[in-house]
Amino acid sequence: MPAETVGGASSGVTSRLARVGGEEFAVLVADTLDVALAKAERFRADVEGHAFLWEEAQIPVTVSLGVATLTGGESGAQLYKRTDELLYASKHAGRNRVSG
């Protein structure tokens, strides 16, 4: 279900999903910050509410997300750094959160 949610996160707009390290992934979508934050929150809630099963036991899974939009004159590396900082803000605020 969560993978389907990521796939459907684009609402008809092309999106890209990439693993960027360890347990970190990046999803690139062409949306405004408000729309991207709403999609991230919906994804967070979908993951939290999904029944992940391993050997007949349900495993609680949550995600922490950082959401940002590219600003004028900003490089991709700067966007990535800012988004990563927002991700860590979510983790430090107690995890299972969206920061943006």
PDB file of N, CA and C in Angstrom:
ATOM      1  N   MET A   1       0.805  -1.209   0.000  1.00  0.00           N
ATOM      2  CA  MET A   1       0.000   0.000   0.000  1.00  0.00           C
ATOM      3  C   MET A   1       0.846   1.270   0.000  1.00  0.00           C
ATOM      4  N   PRO A   2       1.833   1.462   0.892  1.00  0.00           N
ATOM      5  CA  PRO A   2       2.617   2.704   0.855  1.00  0.00           C
ATOM      6  C   PRO A   2       3.331   2.929  -0.464  1.00  0.00           C
ATOM      7  N   ALA A   3       3.852   1.882  -1.097  1.00  0.00           N
ATOM      8  CA  ALA A   3       4.504   2.064  -2.398  1.00  0.00           C
ATOM      9  C   ALA A   3       3.499   2.569  -3.414  1.00  0.00           C
ATOM     10  N   GLU A   4       2.272   2.057  -3.337  1.00  0.00           N
ATOM     11  CA  GLU A   4       1.225   2.538  -4.225  1.00  0.00           C
ATOM     12  C   GLU A   4       0.923   4.002  -3.918  1.00  0.00           C
ATOM     13  N   THR A   5       0.988   4.370  -2.646  1.00  0.00           N
ATOM     14  CA  THR A   5       0.745   5.750  -2.249  1.00  0.00           C
ATOM     15  C   THR A   5       1.796   6.670  -2.841  1.00  0.00           C
ATOM     16  N   VAL A   6       3.063   6.262  -2.776  1.00  0.00           N
ATOM     17  CA  VAL A   6       4.117   7.075  -3.375  1.00  0.00           C
ATOM     18  C   VAL A   6       3.886   7.197  -4.860  1.00  0.00           C
ATOM     19  N   GLY A   7       3.554   6.087  -5.500  1.00  0.00           N
ATOM     20  CA  GLY A   7       3.288   6.116  -6.932  1.00  0.00           C
ATOM     21  C   GLY A   7       2.137   7.023  -7.277  1.00  0.00           C
ATOM     22  N   GLY A   8       1.138   7.096  -6.406  1.00  0.00           N
ATOM     23  CA  GLY A   8      -0.015   7.942  -6.643  1.00  0.00           C
ATOM     24  C   GLY A   8       0.151   9.351  -6.126  1.00  0.00           C
ATOM     25  N   ALA A   9       1.295   9.635  -5.532  1.00  0.00           N
ATOM     26  CA  ALA A   9       1.509  10.951  -4.918  1.00  0.00           C
ATOM     27  C   ALA A   9       1.573  12.069  -5.930  1.00  0.00           C
ATOM     28  N   SER A  10       1.743  11.723  -7.188  1.00  0.00           N
ATOM     29  CA  SER A  10       1.962  12.769  -8.176  1.00  0.00           C
ATOM     30  C   SER A  10       0.687  13.386  -8.724  1.00  0.00           C
ATOM     31  N   SER A  11      -0.468  12.752  -8.499  1.00  0.00           N
ATOM     32  CA  SER A  11      -1.735  13.277  -9.022  1.00  0.00           C
ATOM     33  C   SER A  11      -1.640  13.620 -10.497  1.00  0.00           C
ATOM     34  N   GLY A  12      -1.049  12.727 -11.280  1.00  0.00           N
ATOM     35  CA  GLY A  12      -0.952  12.954 -12.706  1.00  0.00           C
ATOM     36  C   GLY A  12       0.311  13.670 -13.130  1.00  0.00           C
ATOM     37  N   VAL A  13       1.083  14.190 -12.187  1.00  0.00           N
ATOM     38  CA  VAL A  13       2.333  14.875 -12.486  1.00  0.00           C
ATOM     39  C   VAL A  13       3.453  13.858 -12.368  1.00  0.00           C
ATOM     40  N   THR A  14       4.403  13.922 -13.261  1.00  0.00           N
ATOM     41  CA  THR A  14       5.520  12.994 -13.207  1.00  0.00           C
ATOM     42  C   THR A  14       6.269  13.165 -11.906  1.00  0.00           C
ATOM     43  N   SER A  15       6.555  12.034 -11.257  1.00  0.00           N
ATOM     44  CA  SER A  15       7.336  12.072 -10.027  1.00  0.00           C
ATOM     45  C   SER A  15       8.454  11.054 -10.136  1.00  0.00           C
ATOM     46  N   ARG A  16       9.460  11.225  -9.314  1.00  0.00           N
ATOM     47  CA  ARG A  16      10.614  10.328  -9.300  1.00  0.00           C
ATOM     48  C   ARG A  16      10.896   9.925  -7.864  1.00  0.00           C
ATOM     49  N   LEU A  17      11.157   8.650  -7.660  1.00  0.00           N
ATOM     50  CA  LEU A  17      11.506   8.114  -6.361  1.00  0.00           C
ATOM     51  C   LEU A  17      12.915   7.559  -6.451  1.00  0.00           C
ATOM     52  N   ALA A  18      13.773   7.911  -5.490  1.00  0.00           N
ATOM     53  CA  ALA A  18      15.149   7.419  -5.489  1.00  0.00           C
ATOM     54  C   ALA A  18      15.604   7.162  -4.060  1.00  0.00           C
ATOM     55  N   ARG A  19      16.362   6.106  -3.877  1.00  0.00           N
ATOM     56  CA  ARG A  19      16.990   5.848  -2.591  1.00  0.00           C
ATOM     57  C   ARG A  19      18.258   6.691  -2.536  1.00  0.00           C
ATOM     58  N   VAL A  20      18.411   7.466  -1.455  1.00  0.00           N
ATOM     59  CA  VAL A  20      19.569   8.357  -1.368  1.00  0.00           C
ATOM     60  C   VAL A  20      20.530   7.950  -0.257  1.00  0.00           C
ATOM     61  N   GLY A  21      20.223   6.881   0.446  1.00  0.00           N
ATOM     62  CA  GLY A  21      21.143   6.386   1.457  1.00  0.00           C
ATOM     63  C   GLY A  21      20.418   5.641   2.547  1.00  0.00           C
ATOM     64  N   GLY A  22      21.017   4.565   3.009  1.00  0.00           N
ATOM     65  CA  GLY A  22      20.454   3.822   4.133  1.00  0.00           C
ATOM     66  C   GLY A  22      18.960   3.640   4.019  1.00  0.00           C
ATOM     67  N   GLU A  23      18.256   4.275   4.931  1.00  0.00           N
ATOM     68  CA  GLU A  23      16.795   4.203   4.938  1.00  0.00           C
ATOM     69  C   GLU A  23      16.175   5.511   4.465  1.00  0.00           C
ATOM     70  N   GLU A  24      16.907   6.268   3.676  1.00  0.00           N
ATOM     71  CA  GLU A  24      16.414   7.558   3.200  1.00  0.00           C
ATOM     72  C   GLU A  24      16.110   7.505   1.710  1.00  0.00           C
ATOM     73  N   PHE A  25      14.980   8.113   1.366  1.00  0.00           N
ATOM     74  CA  PHE A  25      14.521   8.166  -0.018  1.00  0.00           C
ATOM     75  C   PHE A  25      14.150   9.594  -0.356  1.00  0.00           C
ATOM     76  N   ALA A  26      14.209   9.923  -1.623  1.00  0.00           N
ATOM     77  CA  ALA A  26      13.779  11.237  -2.099  1.00  0.00           C
ATOM     78  C   ALA A  26      12.667  11.022  -3.121  1.00  0.00           C
ATOM     79  N   VAL A  27      11.634  11.825  -3.015  1.00  0.00           N
ATOM     80  CA  VAL A  27      10.554  11.826  -3.996  1.00  0.00           C
ATOM     81  C   VAL A  27      10.506  13.233  -4.565  1.00  0.00           C
ATOM     82  N   LEU A  28      10.667  13.340  -5.870  1.00  0.00           N
ATOM     83  CA  LEU A  28      10.609  14.636  -6.532  1.00  0.00           C
ATOM     84  C   LEU A  28       9.277  14.755  -7.250  1.00  0.00           C
ATOM     85  N   VAL A  29       8.534  15.798  -6.943  1.00  0.00           N
ATOM     86  CA  VAL A  29       7.259  16.062  -7.604  1.00  0.00           C
ATOM     87  C   VAL A  29       7.205  17.537  -7.982  1.00  0.00           C
ATOM     88  N   ALA A  30       6.452  17.827  -9.010  1.00  0.00           N
ATOM     89  CA  ALA A  30       6.278  19.213  -9.454  1.00  0.00           C
ATOM     90  C   ALA A  30       4.993  19.751  -8.831  1.00  0.00           C
ATOM     91  N   ASP A  31       5.112  20.334  -7.646  1.00  0.00           N
ATOM     92  CA  ASP A  31       3.959  20.868  -6.923  1.00  0.00           C
ATOM     93  C   ASP A  31       4.382  22.076  -6.105  1.00  0.00           C
ATOM     94  N   THR A  32       3.390  22.793  -5.591  1.00  0.00           N
ATOM     95  CA  THR A  32       3.672  23.873  -4.654  1.00  0.00           C
ATOM     96  C   THR A  32       4.022  23.268  -3.302  1.00  0.00           C
ATOM     97  N   LEU A  33       4.602  24.052  -2.418  1.00  0.00           N
ATOM     98  CA  LEU A  33       4.957  23.551  -1.092  1.00  0.00           C
ATOM     99  C   LEU A  33       3.725  23.068  -0.345  1.00  0.00           C
ATOM    100  N   ASP A  34       2.632  23.807  -0.403  1.00  0.00           N
ATOM    101  CA  ASP A  34       1.414  23.399   0.304  1.00  0.00           C
ATOM    102  C   ASP A  34       0.908  22.049  -0.182  1.00  0.00           C
ATOM    103  N   VAL A  35       0.897  21.853  -1.484  1.00  0.00           N
ATOM    104  CA  VAL A  35       0.436  20.576  -2.048  1.00  0.00           C
ATOM    105  C   VAL A  35       1.401  19.456  -1.667  1.00  0.00           C
ATOM    106  N   ALA A  36       2.705  19.724  -1.765  1.00  0.00           N
ATOM    107  CA  ALA A  36       3.702  18.710  -1.413  1.00  0.00           C
ATOM    108  C   ALA A  36       3.598  18.332   0.063  1.00  0.00           C
ATOM    109  N   LEU A  37       3.387  19.309   0.935  1.00  0.00           N
ATOM    110  CA  LEU A  37       3.223  19.017   2.363  1.00  0.00           C
ATOM    111  C   LEU A  37       1.989  18.169   2.615  1.00  0.00           C
ATOM    112  N   ALA A  38       0.901  18.475   1.936  1.00  0.00           N
ATOM    113  CA  ALA A  38      -0.326  17.690   2.099  1.00  0.00           C
ATOM    114  C   ALA A  38      -0.122  16.254   1.625  1.00  0.00           C
ATOM    115  N   LYS A  39       0.568  16.090   0.503  1.00  0.00           N
ATOM    116  CA  LYS A  39       0.851  14.738   0.001  1.00  0.00           C
ATOM    117  C   LYS A  39       1.771  13.982   0.949  1.00  0.00           C
ATOM    118  N   ALA A  40       2.754  14.673   1.499  1.00  0.00           N
ATOM    119  CA  ALA A  40       3.670  14.036   2.447  1.00  0.00           C
ATOM    120  C   ALA A  40       2.916  13.597   3.700  1.00  0.00           C
ATOM    121  N   GLU A  41       2.027  14.432   4.192  1.00  0.00           N
ATOM    122  CA  GLU A  41       1.242  14.078   5.379  1.00  0.00           C
ATOM    123  C   GLU A  41       0.337  12.888   5.090  1.00  0.00           C
ATOM    124  N   ARG A  42      -0.273  12.870   3.918  1.00  0.00           N
ATOM    125  CA  ARG A  42      -1.128  11.743   3.542  1.00  0.00           C
ATOM    126  C   ARG A  42      -0.301  10.457   3.475  1.00  0.00           C
ATOM    127  N   PHE A  43       0.900  10.533   2.900  1.00  0.00           N
ATOM    128  CA  PHE A  43       1.784   9.372   2.828  1.00  0.00           C
ATOM    129  C   PHE A  43       2.184   8.920   4.231  1.00  0.00           C
ATOM    130  N   ARG A  44       2.542   9.863   5.098  1.00  0.00           N
ATOM    131  CA  ARG A  44       2.919   9.534   6.473  1.00  0.00           C
ATOM    132  C   ARG A  44       1.793   8.781   7.179  1.00  0.00           C
ATOM    133  N   ALA A  45       0.582   9.291   7.046  1.00  0.00           N
ATOM    134  CA  ALA A  45      -0.575   8.659   7.681  1.00  0.00           C
ATOM    135  C   ALA A  45      -0.857   7.280   7.078  1.00  0.00           C
ATOM    136  N   ASP A  46      -0.703   7.141   5.762  1.00  0.00           N
ATOM    137  CA  ASP A  46      -0.911   5.842   5.113  1.00  0.00           C
ATOM    138  C   ASP A  46       0.088   4.807   5.614  1.00  0.00           C
ATOM    139  N   VAL A  47       1.342   5.202   5.748  1.00  0.00           N
ATOM    140  CA  VAL A  47       2.359   4.266   6.250  1.00  0.00           C
ATOM    141  C   VAL A  47       2.035   3.876   7.688  1.00  0.00           C
ATOM    142  N   GLU A  48       1.734   4.861   8.522  1.00  0.00           N
ATOM    143  CA  GLU A  48       1.427   4.589   9.923  1.00  0.00           C
ATOM    144  C   GLU A  48       0.216   3.661  10.061  1.00  0.00           C
ATOM    145  N   GLY A  49      -0.779   3.827   9.204  1.00  0.00           N
ATOM    146  CA  GLY A  49      -2.003   3.039   9.294  1.00  0.00           C
ATOM    147  C   GLY A  49      -1.963   1.696   8.593  1.00  0.00           C
ATOM    148  N   HIS A  50      -0.899   1.419   7.853  1.00  0.00           N
ATOM    149  CA  HIS A  50      -0.801   0.167   7.103  1.00  0.00           C
ATOM    150  C   HIS A  50      -0.371  -0.979   8.014  1.00  0.00           C
ATOM    151  N   ALA A  51      -0.941  -2.153   7.783  1.00  0.00           N
ATOM    152  CA  ALA A  51      -0.579  -3.345   8.553  1.00  0.00           C
ATOM    153  C   ALA A  51       0.597  -4.043   7.882  1.00  0.00           C
ATOM    154  N   PHE A  52       1.802  -3.761   8.338  1.00  0.00           N
ATOM    155  CA  PHE A  52       2.998  -4.429   7.830  1.00  0.00           C
ATOM    156  C   PHE A  52       3.152  -5.731   8.599  1.00  0.00           C
ATOM    157  N   LEU A  53       3.223  -6.830   7.867  1.00  0.00           N
ATOM    158  CA  LEU A  53       3.304  -8.141   8.506  1.00  0.00           C
ATOM    159  C   LEU A  53       4.634  -8.808   8.210  1.00  0.00           C
ATOM    160  N   TRP A  54       5.189  -9.443   9.233  1.00  0.00           N
ATOM    161  CA  TRP A  54       6.401 -10.242   9.092  1.00  0.00           C
ATOM    162  C   TRP A  54       6.211 -11.488   9.942  1.00  0.00           C
ATOM    163  N   GLU A  55       6.240 -12.641   9.285  1.00  0.00           N
ATOM    164  CA  GLU A  55       6.050 -13.919   9.968  1.00  0.00           C
ATOM    165  C   GLU A  55       4.822 -13.874  10.868  1.00  0.00           C
ATOM    166  N   GLU A  56       3.716 -13.413  10.327  1.00  0.00           N
ATOM    167  CA  GLU A  56       2.403 -13.346  10.975  1.00  0.00           C
ATOM    168  C   GLU A  56       2.321 -12.342  12.120  1.00  0.00           C
ATOM    169  N   ALA A  57       3.329 -11.524  12.302  1.00  0.00           N
ATOM    170  CA  ALA A  57       3.292 -10.491  13.338  1.00  0.00           C
ATOM    171  C   ALA A  57       3.207  -9.125  12.669  1.00  0.00           C
ATOM    172  N   GLN A  58       2.353  -8.279  13.219  1.00  0.00           N
ATOM    173  CA  GLN A  58       2.250  -6.921  12.691  1.00  0.00           C
ATOM    174  C   GLN A  58       3.374  -6.074  13.267  1.00  0.00           C
ATOM    175  N   ILE A  59       4.050  -5.329  12.385  1.00  0.00           N
ATOM    176  CA  ILE A  59       5.182  -4.497  12.771  1.00  0.00           C
ATOM    177  C   ILE A  59       4.794  -3.034  12.579  1.00  0.00           C
ATOM    178  N   PRO A  60       4.878  -2.228  13.639  1.00  0.00           N
ATOM    179  CA  PRO A  60       4.562  -0.807  13.472  1.00  0.00           C
ATOM    180  C   PRO A  60       5.664  -0.110  12.671  1.00  0.00           C
ATOM    181  N   VAL A  61       5.266   0.653  11.654  1.00  0.00           N
ATOM    182  CA  VAL A  61       6.203   1.382  10.811  1.00  0.00           C
ATOM    183  C   VAL A  61       5.724   2.825  10.717  1.00  0.00           C
ATOM    184  N   THR A  62       6.656   3.750  10.861  1.00  0.00           N
ATOM    185  CA  THR A  62       6.350   5.163  10.680  1.00  0.00           C
ATOM    186  C   THR A  62       7.435   5.780   9.801  1.00  0.00           C
ATOM    187  N   VAL A  63       7.180   6.982   9.316  1.00  0.00           N
ATOM    188  CA  VAL A  63       8.159   7.699   8.507  1.00  0.00           C
ATOM    189  C   VAL A  63       8.275   9.131   8.999  1.00  0.00           C
ATOM    190  N   SER A  64       9.466   9.677   8.845  1.00  0.00           N
ATOM    191  CA  SER A  64       9.728  11.092   9.097  1.00  0.00           C
ATOM    192  C   SER A  64      10.069  11.712   7.747  1.00  0.00           C
ATOM    193  N   LEU A  65       9.505  12.878   7.475  1.00  0.00           N
ATOM    194  CA  LEU A  65       9.659  13.485   6.156  1.00  0.00           C
ATOM    195  C   LEU A  65      10.082  14.939   6.250  1.00  0.00           C
ATOM    196  N   GLY A  66      10.933  15.326   5.329  1.00  0.00           N
ATOM    197  CA  GLY A  66      11.290  16.721   5.136  1.00  0.00           C
ATOM    198  C   GLY A  66      10.824  17.134   3.752  1.00  0.00           C
ATOM    199  N   VAL A  67      10.146  18.268   3.652  1.00  0.00           N
ATOM    200  CA  VAL A  67       9.562  18.713   2.384  1.00  0.00           C
ATOM    201  C   VAL A  67      10.033  20.133   2.088  1.00  0.00           C
ATOM    202  N   ALA A  68      10.514  20.350   0.875  1.00  0.00           N
ATOM    203  CA  ALA A  68      10.961  21.687   0.479  1.00  0.00           C
ATOM    204  C   ALA A  68      10.723  21.876  -1.010  1.00  0.00           C
ATOM    205  N   THR A  69      10.691  23.119  -1.425  1.00  0.00           N
ATOM    206  CA  THR A  69      10.597  23.438  -2.848  1.00  0.00           C
ATOM    207  C   THR A  69      11.841  24.207  -3.268  1.00  0.00           C
ATOM    208  N   LEU A  70      12.174  24.057  -4.525  1.00  0.00           N
ATOM    209  CA  LEU A  70      13.328  24.747  -5.094  1.00  0.00           C
ATOM    210  C   LEU A  70      13.012  26.237  -5.192  1.00  0.00           C
ATOM    211  N   THR A  71      13.897  27.060  -4.646  1.00  0.00           N
ATOM    212  CA  THR A  71      13.699  28.504  -4.712  1.00  0.00           C
ATOM    213  C   THR A  71      14.580  29.078  -5.819  1.00  0.00           C
ATOM    214  N   GLY A  72      14.251  30.266  -6.268  1.00  0.00           N
ATOM    215  CA  GLY A  72      15.006  30.901  -7.342  1.00  0.00           C
ATOM    216  C   GLY A  72      16.483  31.032  -7.013  1.00  0.00           C
ATOM    217  N   GLY A  73      17.325  30.622  -7.925  1.00  0.00           N
ATOM    218  CA  GLY A  73      18.762  30.737  -7.743  1.00  0.00           C
ATOM    219  C   GLY A  73      19.380  29.646  -6.885  1.00  0.00           C
ATOM    220  N   GLU A  74      18.578  28.733  -6.379  1.00  0.00           N
ATOM    221  CA  GLU A  74      19.081  27.662  -5.521  1.00  0.00           C
ATOM    222  C   GLU A  74      19.532  26.483  -6.371  1.00  0.00           C
ATOM    223  N   SER A  75      20.653  25.887  -5.999  1.00  0.00           N
ATOM    224  CA  SER A  75      21.130  24.700  -6.718  1.00  0.00           C
ATOM    225  C   SER A  75      20.425  23.458  -6.183  1.00  0.00           C
ATOM    226  N   GLY A  76      20.518  22.380  -6.934  1.00  0.00           N
ATOM    227  CA  GLY A  76      19.969  21.110  -6.480  1.00  0.00           C
ATOM    228  C   GLY A  76      20.613  20.654  -5.183  1.00  0.00           C
ATOM    229  N   ALA A  77      21.916  20.889  -5.050  1.00  0.00           N
ATOM    230  CA  ALA A  77      22.631  20.506  -3.826  1.00  0.00           C
ATOM    231  C   ALA A  77      22.114  21.308  -2.625  1.00  0.00           C
ATOM    232  N   GLN A  78      21.822  22.584  -2.833  1.00  0.00           N
ATOM    233  CA  GLN A  78      21.293  23.403  -1.745  1.00  0.00           C
ATOM    234  C   GLN A  78      19.897  22.939  -1.341  1.00  0.00           C
ATOM    235  N   LEU A  79      19.074  22.616  -2.333  1.00  0.00           N
ATOM    236  CA  LEU A  79      17.736  22.085  -2.049  1.00  0.00           C
ATOM    237  C   LEU A  79      17.843  20.789  -1.263  1.00  0.00           C
ATOM    238  N   TYR A  80      18.722  19.900  -1.691  1.00  0.00           N
ATOM    239  CA  TYR A  80      18.899  18.616  -1.005  1.00  0.00           C
ATOM    240  C   TYR A  80      19.322  18.847   0.445  1.00  0.00           C
ATOM    241  N   LYS A  81      20.269  19.737   0.682  1.00  0.00           N
ATOM    242  CA  LYS A  81      20.757  20.012   2.043  1.00  0.00           C
ATOM    243  C   LYS A  81      19.629  20.560   2.913  1.00  0.00           C
ATOM    244  N   ARG A  82      18.848  21.480   2.367  1.00  0.00           N
ATOM    245  CA  ARG A  82      17.744  22.077   3.133  1.00  0.00           C
ATOM    246  C   ARG A  82      16.678  21.032   3.456  1.00  0.00           C
ATOM    247  N   THR A  83      16.368  20.188   2.480  1.00  0.00           N
ATOM    248  CA  THR A  83      15.372  19.144   2.690  1.00  0.00           C
ATOM    249  C   THR A  83      15.865  18.127   3.719  1.00  0.00           C
ATOM    250  N   ASP A  84      17.154  17.776   3.653  1.00  0.00           N
ATOM    251  CA  ASP A  84      17.740  16.846   4.619  1.00  0.00           C
ATOM    252  C   ASP A  84      17.672  17.435   6.036  1.00  0.00           C
ATOM    253  N   GLU A  85      17.906  18.723   6.166  1.00  0.00           N
ATOM    254  CA  GLU A  85      17.801  19.380   7.472  1.00  0.00           C
ATOM    255  C   GLU A  85      16.363  19.308   7.994  1.00  0.00           C
ATOM    256  N   LEU A  86      15.385  19.451   7.099  1.00  0.00           N
ATOM    257  CA  LEU A  86      13.985  19.333   7.502  1.00  0.00           C
ATOM    258  C   LEU A  86      13.647  17.898   7.913  1.00  0.00           C
ATOM    259  N   LEU A  87      14.207  16.932   7.212  1.00  0.00           N
ATOM    260  CA  LEU A  87      14.016  15.529   7.586  1.00  0.00           C
ATOM    261  C   LEU A  87      14.517  15.303   9.009  1.00  0.00           C
ATOM    262  N   TYR A  88      15.720  15.782   9.303  1.00  0.00           N
ATOM    263  CA  TYR A  88      16.274  15.596  10.643  1.00  0.00           C
ATOM    264  C   TYR A  88      15.497  16.390  11.689  1.00  0.00           C
ATOM    265  N   ALA A  89      14.894  17.496  11.308  1.00  0.00           N
ATOM    266  CA  ALA A  89      14.023  18.235  12.228  1.00  0.00           C
ATOM    267  C   ALA A  89      12.831  17.361  12.611  1.00  0.00           C
ATOM    268  N   SER A  90      12.275  16.624  11.646  1.00  0.00           N
ATOM    269  CA  SER A  90      11.169  15.705  11.932  1.00  0.00           C
ATOM    270  C   SER A  90      11.619  14.596  12.876  1.00  0.00           C
ATOM    271  N   LYS A  91      12.793  14.055  12.620  1.00  0.00           N
ATOM    272  CA  LYS A  91      13.310  12.978  13.480  1.00  0.00           C
ATOM    273  C   LYS A  91      13.546  13.480  14.905  1.00  0.00           C
ATOM    274  N   HIS A  92      14.133  14.668  15.039  1.00  0.00           N
ATOM    275  CA  HIS A  92      14.452  15.201  16.363  1.00  0.00           C
ATOM    276  C   HIS A  92      13.209  15.664  17.114  1.00  0.00           C
ATOM    277  N   ALA A  93      12.129  15.924  16.394  1.00  0.00           N
ATOM    278  CA  ALA A  93      10.883  16.367  17.036  1.00  0.00           C
ATOM    279  C   ALA A  93      10.040  15.176  17.494  1.00  0.00           C
ATOM    280  N   GLY A  94      10.555  13.974  17.343  1.00  0.00           N
ATOM    281  CA  GLY A  94       9.837  12.803  17.840  1.00  0.00           C
ATOM    282  C   GLY A  94       9.502  11.775  16.791  1.00  0.00           C
ATOM    283  N   ARG A  95       9.935  11.968  15.577  1.00  0.00           N
ATOM    284  CA  ARG A  95       9.714  11.045  14.457  1.00  0.00           C
ATOM    285  C   ARG A  95       8.225  10.993  14.078  1.00  0.00           C
ATOM    286  N   ASN A  96       7.947  10.283  12.978  1.00  0.00           N
ATOM    287  CA  ASN A  96       6.592  10.149  12.467  1.00  0.00           C
ATOM    288  C   ASN A  96       5.961  11.519  12.246  1.00  0.00           C
ATOM    289  N   ARG A  97       6.716  12.408  11.601  1.00  0.00           N
ATOM    290  CA  ARG A  97       6.272  13.785  11.376  1.00  0.00           C
ATOM    291  C   ARG A  97       6.668  14.255   9.971  1.00  0.00           C
ATOM    292  N   VAL A  98       6.045  15.344   9.571  1.00  0.00           N
ATOM    293  CA  VAL A  98       6.388  16.029   8.325  1.00  0.00           C
ATOM    294  C   VAL A  98       6.864  17.427   8.695  1.00  0.00           C
ATOM    295  N   SER A  99       8.043  17.801   8.195  1.00  0.00           N
ATOM    296  CA  SER A  99       8.547  19.157   8.405  1.00  0.00           C
ATOM    297  C   SER A  99       8.754  19.813   7.052  1.00  0.00           C
ATOM    298  N   GLY A 100       8.369  21.058   6.952  1.00  0.00           N
ATOM    299  CA  GLY A 100       8.553  21.760   5.687  1.00  0.00           C
ATOM    300  C   GLY A 100       8.337  23.238   5.836  1.00  0.00           C
TER     301      GLY A 100
END
